[in-house]
Amino acid sequence: MNIGKWRVFSCTAALLCAFCLALCGTARAQAFTVTEPELIAEEEGAGISVRVERYRVNTTKCYVARVRIDDASQLRTEPAYAFDRDQTAEVSSIARRTGAILAINGDYFSYQNGGYMIRGGVQYCSNPIEGRDVLLIDGNGDFTIVQNATAESLAAYADSGIVDSFNFGPGLVVNGQVLEEYDAKYNAGAKQRQRSCIAQVERGKLEYLCICCEGPVESENGGLTMTQFAQFVLGLGVENAYNLDGGDSTALVYRGEKLNAPDNRNHRPISDIIYFAAADAGEAE
């Protein structure tokens, strides 16, 4: 691994917890402790900087990858086989095929019945799922989270140059705020689970975070509730963060190697990944 220069975002455990809880707004804060980060990998070159750190939130191992790219086209998606097919593959396998520097599991589009799905600027489905938040990524690499998306609310973005959209959700951090409640809305929100998300530090900046946490099988008494995960993510300093497919789909892959829960044999093959490529890397065939 090449060690490169990086603007280090340091924060003590006490300050990080205080930051999380102070910015929770009206959300019901859930107490947790956070350790100092441990550096796992770092590199810079070819238009991309990556720094991967491991935290412990309570007893749960959490992996945070900070990514900075030179051009929005380096943020990409890739299907297991094709976006119009209901087929799956291992995240690490798809990542290696694309030559991804860093990859994270997508939102398992084939699992959803319907949805609002754009990949690579091509719209495959325009039937938003009731009650779901939709993440839109435009050609500038900026994130917009449309909460409780409907056909009408999404129509406002028809001419916004949307390149990719995601349906899993929910939005964990929306315009710098966490929601009041996740528990009843999505994906076993009140239970301790493996979780993953992608975040943008600030609109107009090509700086992103890919974050995942392990579950009770991989970390003793581990896993985070949706609220704990959202508060941890907010404390890392992001403007918008979107929850991706979690549970056994959770995978953060750096240079072809899965970082989280490497011994979990129950890892679920999925339909697609989100990944970051070097500036000189062509699109996957």
C-alpha atoms as a PDB file:
ATOM      1  CA  MET A   1       0.000   0.000   0.000  1.00  0.00           C
ATOM      2  CA  ASN A   2       1.376   3.426  -0.906  1.00  0.00           C
ATOM      3  CA  ILE A   3       1.385   5.997   1.856  1.00  0.00           C
ATOM      4  CA  GLY A   4       0.310   9.369   0.504  1.00  0.00           C
ATOM      5  CA  LYS A   5      -0.358  12.803   1.874  1.00  0.00           C
ATOM      6  CA  TRP A   6      -3.789  13.379   3.330  1.00  0.00           C
ATOM      7  CA  ARG A   7      -5.456  16.171   5.181  1.00  0.00           C
ATOM      8  CA  VAL A   8      -5.981  14.330   8.463  1.00  0.00           C
ATOM      9  CA  PHE A   9      -9.335  14.695  10.142  1.00  0.00           C
ATOM     10  CA  SER A  10      -8.480  13.947  13.764  1.00  0.00           C
ATOM     11  CA  CYS A  11     -10.944  13.820  16.603  1.00  0.00           C
ATOM     12  CA  THR A  12     -10.766  12.384  20.068  1.00  0.00           C
ATOM     13  CA  ALA A  13     -13.381   9.900  21.161  1.00  0.00           C
ATOM     14  CA  ALA A  14     -14.946  12.347  23.578  1.00  0.00           C
ATOM     15  CA  LEU A  15     -15.147  15.136  21.013  1.00  0.00           C
ATOM     16  CA  LEU A  16     -16.573  12.827  18.381  1.00  0.00           C
ATOM     17  CA  CYS A  17     -19.358  11.646  20.676  1.00  0.00           C
ATOM     18  CA  ALA A  18     -20.116  15.211  21.725  1.00  0.00           C
ATOM     19  CA  PHE A  19     -20.182  16.302  18.078  1.00  0.00           C
ATOM     20  CA  CYS A  20     -22.572  13.513  17.151  1.00  0.00           C
ATOM     21  CA  LEU A  21     -24.974  14.195  19.988  1.00  0.00           C
ATOM     22  CA  ALA A  22     -24.826  17.964  19.748  1.00  0.00           C
ATOM     23  CA  LEU A  23     -25.831  17.952  16.094  1.00  0.00           C
ATOM     24  CA  CYS A  24     -28.613  15.418  16.344  1.00  0.00           C
ATOM     25  CA  GLY A  25     -31.291  18.106  16.294  1.00  0.00           C
ATOM     26  CA  THR A  26     -34.600  16.642  17.402  1.00  0.00           C
ATOM     27  CA  ALA A  27     -33.537  13.067  16.771  1.00  0.00           C
ATOM     28  CA  ARG A  28     -33.674  10.745  19.746  1.00  0.00           C
ATOM     29  CA  ALA A  29     -29.988  10.419  20.588  1.00  0.00           C
ATOM     30  CA  GLN A  30     -28.703   6.981  21.557  1.00  0.00           C
ATOM     31  CA  ALA A  31     -25.547   7.042  23.676  1.00  0.00           C
ATOM     32  CA  PHE A  32     -22.434   5.298  22.408  1.00  0.00           C
ATOM     33  CA  THR A  33     -18.673   5.479  22.718  1.00  0.00           C
ATOM     34  CA  VAL A  34     -16.181   5.843  19.875  1.00  0.00           C
ATOM     35  CA  THR A  35     -12.477   4.969  19.929  1.00  0.00           C
ATOM     36  CA  GLU A  36      -9.669   6.810  18.190  1.00  0.00           C
ATOM     37  CA  PRO A  37      -9.387   5.659  14.554  1.00  0.00           C
ATOM     38  CA  GLU A  38      -6.797   3.103  13.472  1.00  0.00           C
ATOM     39  CA  LEU A  39      -5.269   3.649  10.052  1.00  0.00           C
ATOM     40  CA  ILE A  40      -5.833   0.659   7.759  1.00  0.00           C
ATOM     41  CA  ALA A  41      -4.721   1.935   4.350  1.00  0.00           C
ATOM     42  CA  GLU A  42      -3.800   5.172   2.629  1.00  0.00           C
ATOM     43  CA  GLU A  43      -2.810   6.166  -0.885  1.00  0.00           C
ATOM     44  CA  GLU A  44      -2.782   9.093  -3.284  1.00  0.00           C
ATOM     45  CA  GLY A  45      -2.222   9.261  -7.024  1.00  0.00           C
ATOM     46  CA  ALA A  46      -3.911   9.128 -10.433  1.00  0.00           C
ATOM     47  CA  GLY A  47      -6.477  11.707  -9.410  1.00  0.00           C
ATOM     48  CA  ILE A  48      -7.688   9.933  -6.268  1.00  0.00           C
ATOM     49  CA  SER A  49      -6.865   9.943  -2.549  1.00  0.00           C
ATOM     50  CA  VAL A  50      -8.094   7.211  -0.215  1.00  0.00           C
ATOM     51  CA  ARG A  51      -7.715   6.888   3.541  1.00  0.00           C
ATOM     52  CA  VAL A  52      -9.303   3.923   5.331  1.00  0.00           C
ATOM     53  CA  GLU A  53      -9.688   3.899   9.114  1.00  0.00           C
ATOM     54  CA  ARG A  54     -11.230   1.518  11.622  1.00  0.00           C
ATOM     55  CA  TYR A  55     -13.162   2.706  14.663  1.00  0.00           C
ATOM     56  CA  ARG A  56     -14.939   0.908  17.457  1.00  0.00           C
ATOM     57  CA  VAL A  57     -18.389   2.213  18.239  1.00  0.00           C
ATOM     58  CA  ASN A  58     -19.255   0.555  21.533  1.00  0.00           C
ATOM     59  CA  THR A  59     -17.974  -2.944  20.709  1.00  0.00           C
ATOM     60  CA  THR A  60     -18.678  -2.724  16.975  1.00  0.00           C
ATOM     61  CA  LYS A  61     -15.916  -2.400  14.400  1.00  0.00           C
ATOM     62  CA  CYS A  62     -16.691   0.352  11.892  1.00  0.00           C
ATOM     63  CA  TYR A  63     -14.720   1.062   8.728  1.00  0.00           C
ATOM     64  CA  VAL A  64     -14.570   4.561   7.263  1.00  0.00           C
ATOM     65  CA  ALA A  65     -13.050   5.240   3.845  1.00  0.00           C
ATOM     66  CA  ARG A  66     -12.462   8.887   2.972  1.00  0.00           C
ATOM     67  CA  VAL A  67     -12.154   9.455  -0.756  1.00  0.00           C
ATOM     68  CA  ARG A  68     -11.215  12.544  -2.732  1.00  0.00           C
ATOM     69  CA  ILE A  69     -11.351  12.495  -6.549  1.00  0.00           C
ATOM     70  CA  ASP A  70     -10.372  14.968  -9.256  1.00  0.00           C
ATOM     71  CA  ASP A  71     -13.390  14.404 -11.492  1.00  0.00           C
ATOM     72  CA  ALA A  72     -16.978  13.344 -10.842  1.00  0.00           C
ATOM     73  CA  SER A  73     -16.698  10.649 -13.526  1.00  0.00           C
ATOM     74  CA  GLN A  74     -14.477   8.671 -11.136  1.00  0.00           C
ATOM     75  CA  LEU A  75     -17.539   7.927  -8.969  1.00  0.00           C
ATOM     76  CA  ARG A  76     -19.218   5.032 -10.771  1.00  0.00           C
ATOM     77  CA  THR A  77     -21.625   2.132 -10.482  1.00  0.00           C
ATOM     78  CA  GLU A  78     -21.336  -1.361 -11.880  1.00  0.00           C
ATOM     79  CA  PRO A  79     -23.839  -4.257 -12.045  1.00  0.00           C
ATOM     80  CA  ALA A  80     -23.092  -7.891 -11.361  1.00  0.00           C
ATOM     81  CA  TYR A  81     -23.854  -8.532 -15.022  1.00  0.00           C
ATOM     82  CA  ALA A  82     -26.291  -5.938 -16.399  1.00  0.00           C
ATOM     83  CA  PHE A  83     -28.667  -3.434 -14.845  1.00  0.00           C
ATOM     84  CA  ASP A  84     -31.624  -4.968 -16.669  1.00  0.00           C
ATOM     85  CA  ARG A  85     -30.951  -8.465 -15.302  1.00  0.00           C
ATOM     86  CA  ASP A  86     -31.805 -10.064 -11.980  1.00  0.00           C
ATOM     87  CA  GLN A  87     -28.343 -11.550 -11.349  1.00  0.00           C
ATOM     88  CA  THR A  88     -25.856 -11.239  -8.508  1.00  0.00           C
ATOM     89  CA  ALA A  89     -22.150 -11.565  -7.741  1.00  0.00           C
ATOM     90  CA  GLU A  90     -19.741 -10.982  -4.852  1.00  0.00           C
ATOM     91  CA  VAL A  91     -18.884  -7.316  -4.255  1.00  0.00           C
ATOM     92  CA  SER A  92     -15.153  -8.093  -4.314  1.00  0.00           C
ATOM     93  CA  SER A  93     -15.538  -9.934  -7.617  1.00  0.00           C
ATOM     94  CA  ILE A  94     -17.302  -6.993  -9.279  1.00  0.00           C
ATOM     95  CA  ALA A  95     -14.760  -4.582  -7.789  1.00  0.00           C
ATOM     96  CA  ARG A  96     -11.801  -6.539  -9.139  1.00  0.00           C
ATOM     97  CA  ARG A  97     -13.412  -6.713 -12.575  1.00  0.00           C
ATOM     98  CA  THR A  98     -13.730  -2.928 -12.731  1.00  0.00           C
ATOM     99  CA  GLY A  99     -10.290  -2.214 -11.315  1.00  0.00           C
ATOM    100  CA  ALA A 100     -11.927  -0.230  -8.501  1.00  0.00           C
ATOM    101  CA  ILE A 101      -9.660   1.488  -5.999  1.00  0.00           C
ATOM    102  CA  LEU A 102     -12.482   1.421  -3.454  1.00  0.00           C
ATOM    103  CA  ALA A 103     -15.948  -0.117  -3.674  1.00  0.00           C
ATOM    104  CA  ILE A 104     -19.013  -0.553  -1.504  1.00  0.00           C
ATOM    105  CA  ASN A 105     -22.150  -2.611  -1.942  1.00  0.00           C
ATOM    106  CA  GLY A 106     -25.005  -0.919  -3.775  1.00  0.00           C
ATOM    107  CA  ASP A 107     -28.711  -0.935  -3.022  1.00  0.00           C
ATOM    108  CA  TYR A 108     -29.646  -4.368  -4.414  1.00  0.00           C
ATOM    109  CA  PHE A 109     -31.931  -3.047  -7.143  1.00  0.00           C
ATOM    110  CA  SER A 110     -33.113  -6.521  -8.179  1.00  0.00           C
ATOM    111  CA  TYR A 111     -34.445  -7.073  -4.651  1.00  0.00           C
ATOM    112  CA  GLN A 112     -36.842  -4.163  -4.991  1.00  0.00           C
ATOM    113  CA  ASN A 113     -40.191  -4.485  -6.715  1.00  0.00           C
ATOM    114  CA  GLY A 114     -40.183  -1.262  -8.655  1.00  0.00           C
ATOM    115  CA  GLY A 115     -38.175   1.783  -7.734  1.00  0.00           C
ATOM    116  CA  TYR A 116     -36.650   4.804  -9.391  1.00  0.00           C
ATOM    117  CA  MET A 117     -33.430   3.594 -10.949  1.00  0.00           C
ATOM    118  CA  ILE A 118     -30.953   5.488 -13.094  1.00  0.00           C
ATOM    119  CA  ARG A 119     -27.512   4.056 -13.771  1.00  0.00           C
ATOM    120  CA  GLY A 120     -24.918   5.765 -15.926  1.00  0.00           C
ATOM    121  CA  GLY A 121     -27.524   8.284 -17.063  1.00  0.00           C
ATOM    122  CA  VAL A 122     -29.886   5.559 -18.331  1.00  0.00           C
ATOM    123  CA  GLN A 123     -33.271   5.216 -16.639  1.00  0.00           C
ATOM    124  CA  TYR A 124     -34.278   1.596 -16.086  1.00  0.00           C
ATOM    125  CA  CYS A 125     -37.254   2.086 -13.791  1.00  0.00           C
ATOM    126  CA  SER A 126     -39.436   5.093 -12.909  1.00  0.00           C
ATOM    127  CA  ASN A 127     -41.805   3.669 -10.310  1.00  0.00           C
ATOM    128  CA  PRO A 128     -40.702   5.030  -6.907  1.00  0.00           C
ATOM    129  CA  ILE A 129     -41.528   2.832  -3.928  1.00  0.00           C
ATOM    130  CA  GLU A 130     -43.943   4.420  -1.481  1.00  0.00           C
ATOM    131  CA  GLY A 131     -42.245   5.777   1.634  1.00  0.00           C
ATOM    132  CA  ARG A 132     -38.693   5.312   0.350  1.00  0.00           C
ATOM    133  CA  ASP A 133     -36.012   7.979   0.191  1.00  0.00           C
ATOM    134  CA  VAL A 134     -34.155   8.212  -3.120  1.00  0.00           C
ATOM    135  CA  LEU A 135     -30.538   9.290  -3.552  1.00  0.00           C
ATOM    136  CA  LEU A 136     -29.783  11.235  -6.731  1.00  0.00           C
ATOM    137  CA  ILE A 137     -26.197  11.786  -7.909  1.00  0.00           C
ATOM    138  CA  ASP A 138     -25.754  14.345 -10.673  1.00  0.00           C
ATOM    139  CA  GLY A 139     -23.029  14.890 -13.229  1.00  0.00           C
ATOM    140  CA  ASN A 140     -21.152  17.154 -10.835  1.00  0.00           C
ATOM    141  CA  GLY A 141     -20.974  14.345  -8.272  1.00  0.00           C
ATOM    142  CA  ASP A 142     -23.373  16.111  -5.901  1.00  0.00           C
ATOM    143  CA  PHE A 143     -25.812  14.194  -3.702  1.00  0.00           C
ATOM    144  CA  THR A 144     -29.495  15.054  -3.324  1.00  0.00           C
ATOM    145  CA  ILE A 145     -31.689  12.932  -1.059  1.00  0.00           C
ATOM    146  CA  VAL A 146     -35.393  13.090  -1.900  1.00  0.00           C
ATOM    147  CA  GLN A 147     -37.295  11.992   1.179  1.00  0.00           C
ATOM    148  CA  ASN A 148     -40.511   9.986   0.803  1.00  0.00           C
ATOM    149  CA  ALA A 149     -39.974  10.228  -2.930  1.00  0.00           C
ATOM    150  CA  THR A 150     -42.913  10.267  -5.321  1.00  0.00           C
ATOM    151  CA  ALA A 151     -43.109  10.532  -9.090  1.00  0.00           C
ATOM    152  CA  GLU A 152     -44.101  14.162  -8.644  1.00  0.00           C
ATOM    153  CA  SER A 153     -41.223  15.100  -6.316  1.00  0.00           C
ATOM    154  CA  LEU A 154     -38.674  13.321  -8.526  1.00  0.00           C
ATOM    155  CA  ALA A 155     -39.996  15.041 -11.663  1.00  0.00           C
ATOM    156  CA  ALA A 156     -38.419  18.254 -10.373  1.00  0.00           C
ATOM    157  CA  TYR A 157     -34.989  16.713 -11.082  1.00  0.00           C
ATOM    158  CA  ALA A 158     -35.760  15.494 -14.599  1.00  0.00           C
ATOM    159  CA  ASP A 159     -33.469  18.105 -16.174  1.00  0.00           C
ATOM    160  CA  SER A 160     -30.790  18.051 -13.477  1.00  0.00           C
ATOM    161  CA  GLY A 161     -28.400  15.704 -15.265  1.00  0.00           C
ATOM    162  CA  ILE A 162     -28.876  12.802 -12.859  1.00  0.00           C
ATOM    163  CA  VAL A 163     -26.310  10.074 -13.510  1.00  0.00           C
ATOM    164  CA  ASP A 164     -27.228   7.547 -10.803  1.00  0.00           C
ATOM    165  CA  SER A 165     -30.084   7.005  -8.368  1.00  0.00           C
ATOM    166  CA  PHE A 166     -30.582   4.597  -5.472  1.00  0.00           C
ATOM    167  CA  ASN A 167     -33.719   3.273  -3.775  1.00  0.00           C
ATOM    168  CA  PHE A 168     -32.672   1.435  -0.624  1.00  0.00           C
ATOM    169  CA  GLY A 169     -32.377   4.200   1.955  1.00  0.00           C
ATOM    170  CA  PRO A 170     -33.204   5.871   4.112  1.00  0.00           C
ATOM    171  CA  GLY A 171     -31.327   9.129   4.054  1.00  0.00           C
ATOM    172  CA  LEU A 172     -29.239   8.990   7.239  1.00  0.00           C
ATOM    173  CA  VAL A 173     -28.058  12.596   7.101  1.00  0.00           C
ATOM    174  CA  VAL A 174     -29.993  15.065   4.960  1.00  0.00           C
ATOM    175  CA  ASN A 175     -28.601  18.576   4.561  1.00  0.00           C
ATOM    176  CA  GLY A 176     -26.588  18.164   7.744  1.00  0.00           C
ATOM    177  CA  GLN A 177     -29.413  16.790   9.891  1.00  0.00           C
ATOM    178  CA  VAL A 178     -30.377  13.316  11.064  1.00  0.00           C
ATOM    179  CA  LEU A 179     -34.022  12.291  11.094  1.00  0.00           C
ATOM    180  CA  GLU A 180     -36.255  12.062  14.128  1.00  0.00           C
ATOM    181  CA  GLU A 181     -36.959   8.377  13.672  1.00  0.00           C
ATOM    182  CA  TYR A 182     -35.746   5.427  11.637  1.00  0.00           C
ATOM    183  CA  ASP A 183     -36.932   2.522  13.763  1.00  0.00           C
ATOM    184  CA  ALA A 184     -40.345   2.006  12.226  1.00  0.00           C
ATOM    185  CA  LYS A 185     -39.419   3.147   8.751  1.00  0.00           C
ATOM    186  CA  TYR A 186     -36.744   0.881   7.356  1.00  0.00           C
ATOM    187  CA  ASN A 187     -34.765  -2.307   7.568  1.00  0.00           C
ATOM    188  CA  ALA A 188     -34.831  -3.432  11.221  1.00  0.00           C
ATOM    189  CA  GLY A 189     -33.883   0.082  12.273  1.00  0.00           C
ATOM    190  CA  ALA A 190     -34.162  -0.615  16.013  1.00  0.00           C
ATOM    191  CA  LYS A 191     -31.966  -3.729  15.908  1.00  0.00           C
ATOM    192  CA  GLN A 192     -28.190  -4.038  15.992  1.00  0.00           C
ATOM    193  CA  ARG A 193     -27.170  -4.923  12.451  1.00  0.00           C
ATOM    194  CA  GLN A 194     -24.393  -4.641   9.894  1.00  0.00           C
ATOM    195  CA  ARG A 195     -24.959  -1.398   8.003  1.00  0.00           C
ATOM    196  CA  SER A 196     -23.382   0.546   5.157  1.00  0.00           C
ATOM    197  CA  CYS A 197     -23.727   3.967   3.600  1.00  0.00           C
ATOM    198  CA  ILE A 198     -22.186   6.449   1.189  1.00  0.00           C
ATOM    199  CA  ALA A 199     -21.878  10.143   2.006  1.00  0.00           C
ATOM    200  CA  GLN A 200     -20.757  13.412   0.487  1.00  0.00           C
ATOM    201  CA  VAL A 201     -18.836  15.773   2.742  1.00  0.00           C
ATOM    202  CA  GLU A 202     -20.267  18.905   1.108  1.00  0.00           C
ATOM    203  CA  ARG A 203     -22.055  19.757  -2.125  1.00  0.00           C
ATOM    204  CA  GLY A 204     -19.621  21.153  -4.659  1.00  0.00           C
ATOM    205  CA  LYS A 205     -16.717  19.140  -3.263  1.00  0.00           C
ATOM    206  CA  LEU A 206     -15.619  15.802  -4.667  1.00  0.00           C
ATOM    207  CA  GLU A 207     -15.030  14.349  -1.201  1.00  0.00           C
ATOM    208  CA  TYR A 208     -16.930  11.276  -0.064  1.00  0.00           C
ATOM    209  CA  LEU A 209     -17.104   8.735   2.711  1.00  0.00           C
ATOM    210  CA  CYS A 210     -17.963   5.047   2.431  1.00  0.00           C
ATOM    211  CA  ILE A 211     -18.849   3.679   5.854  1.00  0.00           C
ATOM    212  CA  CYS A 212     -19.842   0.281   7.174  1.00  0.00           C
ATOM    213  CA  CYS A 213     -20.205  -1.418  10.521  1.00  0.00           C
ATOM    214  CA  GLU A 214     -20.016  -5.073  11.458  1.00  0.00           C
ATOM    215  CA  GLY A 215     -22.836  -6.989  13.137  1.00  0.00           C
ATOM    216  CA  PRO A 216     -23.302  -9.144  16.235  1.00  0.00           C
ATOM    217  CA  VAL A 217     -21.682 -12.173  14.582  1.00  0.00           C
ATOM    218  CA  GLU A 218     -18.499 -10.361  13.528  1.00  0.00           C
ATOM    219  CA  SER A 219     -18.069  -8.043  16.537  1.00  0.00           C
ATOM    220  CA  GLU A 220     -18.904  -9.268  20.039  1.00  0.00           C
ATOM    221  CA  ASN A 221     -22.275  -7.784  21.022  1.00  0.00           C
ATOM    222  CA  GLY A 222     -21.848  -5.738  17.868  1.00  0.00           C
ATOM    223  CA  GLY A 223     -24.019  -4.052  15.309  1.00  0.00           C
ATOM    224  CA  LEU A 224     -25.615  -0.613  15.378  1.00  0.00           C
ATOM    225  CA  THR A 225     -29.185   0.579  15.310  1.00  0.00           C
ATOM    226  CA  MET A 226     -30.073   2.878  12.437  1.00  0.00           C
ATOM    227  CA  THR A 227     -30.096   5.867  14.790  1.00  0.00           C
ATOM    228  CA  GLN A 228     -26.662   5.015  16.235  1.00  0.00           C
ATOM    229  CA  PHE A 229     -25.267   4.535  12.741  1.00  0.00           C
ATOM    230  CA  ALA A 230     -26.716   7.860  11.573  1.00  0.00           C
ATOM    231  CA  GLN A 231     -25.286   9.713  14.568  1.00  0.00           C
ATOM    232  CA  PHE A 232     -21.856   8.149  14.060  1.00  0.00           C
ATOM    233  CA  VAL A 233     -21.920   9.109  10.367  1.00  0.00           C
ATOM    234  CA  LEU A 234     -22.991  12.681  11.151  1.00  0.00           C
ATOM    235  CA  GLY A 235     -20.110  13.017  13.588  1.00  0.00           C
ATOM    236  CA  LEU A 236     -17.663  12.254  10.771  1.00  0.00           C
ATOM    237  CA  GLY A 237     -18.588  15.557   9.162  1.00  0.00           C
ATOM    238  CA  VAL A 238     -20.895  14.977   6.199  1.00  0.00           C
ATOM    239  CA  GLU A 239     -23.708  16.958   4.611  1.00  0.00           C
ATOM    240  CA  ASN A 240     -25.642  14.079   3.047  1.00  0.00           C
ATOM    241  CA  ALA A 241     -25.409  10.344   3.772  1.00  0.00           C
ATOM    242  CA  TYR A 242     -27.521   7.553   2.350  1.00  0.00           C
ATOM    243  CA  ASN A 243     -28.067   4.080   3.760  1.00  0.00           C
ATOM    244  CA  LEU A 244     -27.278   1.181   1.420  1.00  0.00           C
ATOM    245  CA  ASP A 245     -28.166  -2.507   1.565  1.00  0.00           C
ATOM    246  CA  GLY A 246     -26.888  -3.830   4.893  1.00  0.00           C
ATOM    247  CA  GLY A 247     -26.897  -7.142   6.723  1.00  0.00           C
ATOM    248  CA  ASP A 248     -24.890  -9.812   4.926  1.00  0.00           C
ATOM    249  CA  SER A 249     -24.750  -7.587   1.818  1.00  0.00           C
ATOM    250  CA  THR A 250     -22.435  -5.169   3.648  1.00  0.00           C
ATOM    251  CA  ALA A 251     -19.016  -5.016   1.993  1.00  0.00           C
ATOM    252  CA  LEU A 252     -16.288  -2.393   1.831  1.00  0.00           C
ATOM    253  CA  VAL A 253     -13.607  -3.438  -0.644  1.00  0.00           C
ATOM    254  CA  TYR A 254     -10.203  -1.801  -1.042  1.00  0.00           C
ATOM    255  CA  ARG A 255      -7.970  -2.891  -3.898  1.00  0.00           C
ATOM    256  CA  GLY A 256     -10.032  -6.051  -4.376  1.00  0.00           C
ATOM    257  CA  GLU A 257      -9.980  -7.143  -0.724  1.00  0.00           C
ATOM    258  CA  LYS A 258     -13.016  -7.053   1.552  1.00  0.00           C
ATOM    259  CA  LEU A 259     -12.148  -5.172   4.744  1.00  0.00           C
ATOM    260  CA  ASN A 260     -15.155  -5.731   6.992  1.00  0.00           C
ATOM    261  CA  ALA A 261     -16.089  -9.127   8.407  1.00  0.00           C
ATOM    262  CA  PRO A 262     -13.570 -10.974   6.213  1.00  0.00           C
ATOM    263  CA  ASP A 263     -14.402 -14.337   7.805  1.00  0.00           C
ATOM    264  CA  ASN A 264     -18.168 -14.044   7.365  1.00  0.00           C
ATOM    265  CA  ARG A 265     -19.097 -16.955   5.089  1.00  0.00           C
ATOM    266  CA  ASN A 266     -22.671 -15.755   4.856  1.00  0.00           C
ATOM    267  CA  HIS A 267     -21.799 -12.751   2.703  1.00  0.00           C
ATOM    268  CA  ARG A 268     -24.661 -12.184   0.256  1.00  0.00           C
ATOM    269  CA  PRO A 269     -23.954 -11.760  -3.470  1.00  0.00           C
ATOM    270  CA  ILE A 270     -25.616  -8.573  -4.702  1.00  0.00           C
ATOM    271  CA  SER A 271     -26.711  -6.871  -7.893  1.00  0.00           C
ATOM    272  CA  ASP A 272     -24.456  -3.829  -8.025  1.00  0.00           C
ATOM    273  CA  ILE A 273     -21.649  -1.813  -6.464  1.00  0.00           C
ATOM    274  CA  ILE A 274     -20.667   1.832  -6.118  1.00  0.00           C
ATOM    275  CA  TYR A 275     -16.976   2.384  -6.724  1.00  0.00           C
ATOM    276  CA  PHE A 276     -14.217   4.935  -7.173  1.00  0.00           C
ATOM    277  CA  ALA A 277     -11.743   4.626 -10.016  1.00  0.00           C
ATOM    278  CA  ALA A 278      -8.391   6.161 -10.859  1.00  0.00           C
ATOM    279  CA  ALA A 279      -8.580   9.125 -13.239  1.00  0.00           C
ATOM    280  CA  ASP A 280      -6.912   7.151 -16.029  1.00  0.00           C
ATOM    281  CA  ALA A 281      -9.126   4.066 -15.644  1.00  0.00           C
ATOM    282  CA  GLY A 282     -11.589   3.398 -18.463  1.00  0.00           C
ATOM    283  CA  GLU A 283     -15.156   2.258 -17.885  1.00  0.00           C
ATOM    284  CA  ALA A 284     -15.650  -1.473 -17.309  1.00  0.00           C
ATOM    285  CA  GLU A 285     -16.651  -3.467 -20.342  1.00  0.00           C
END
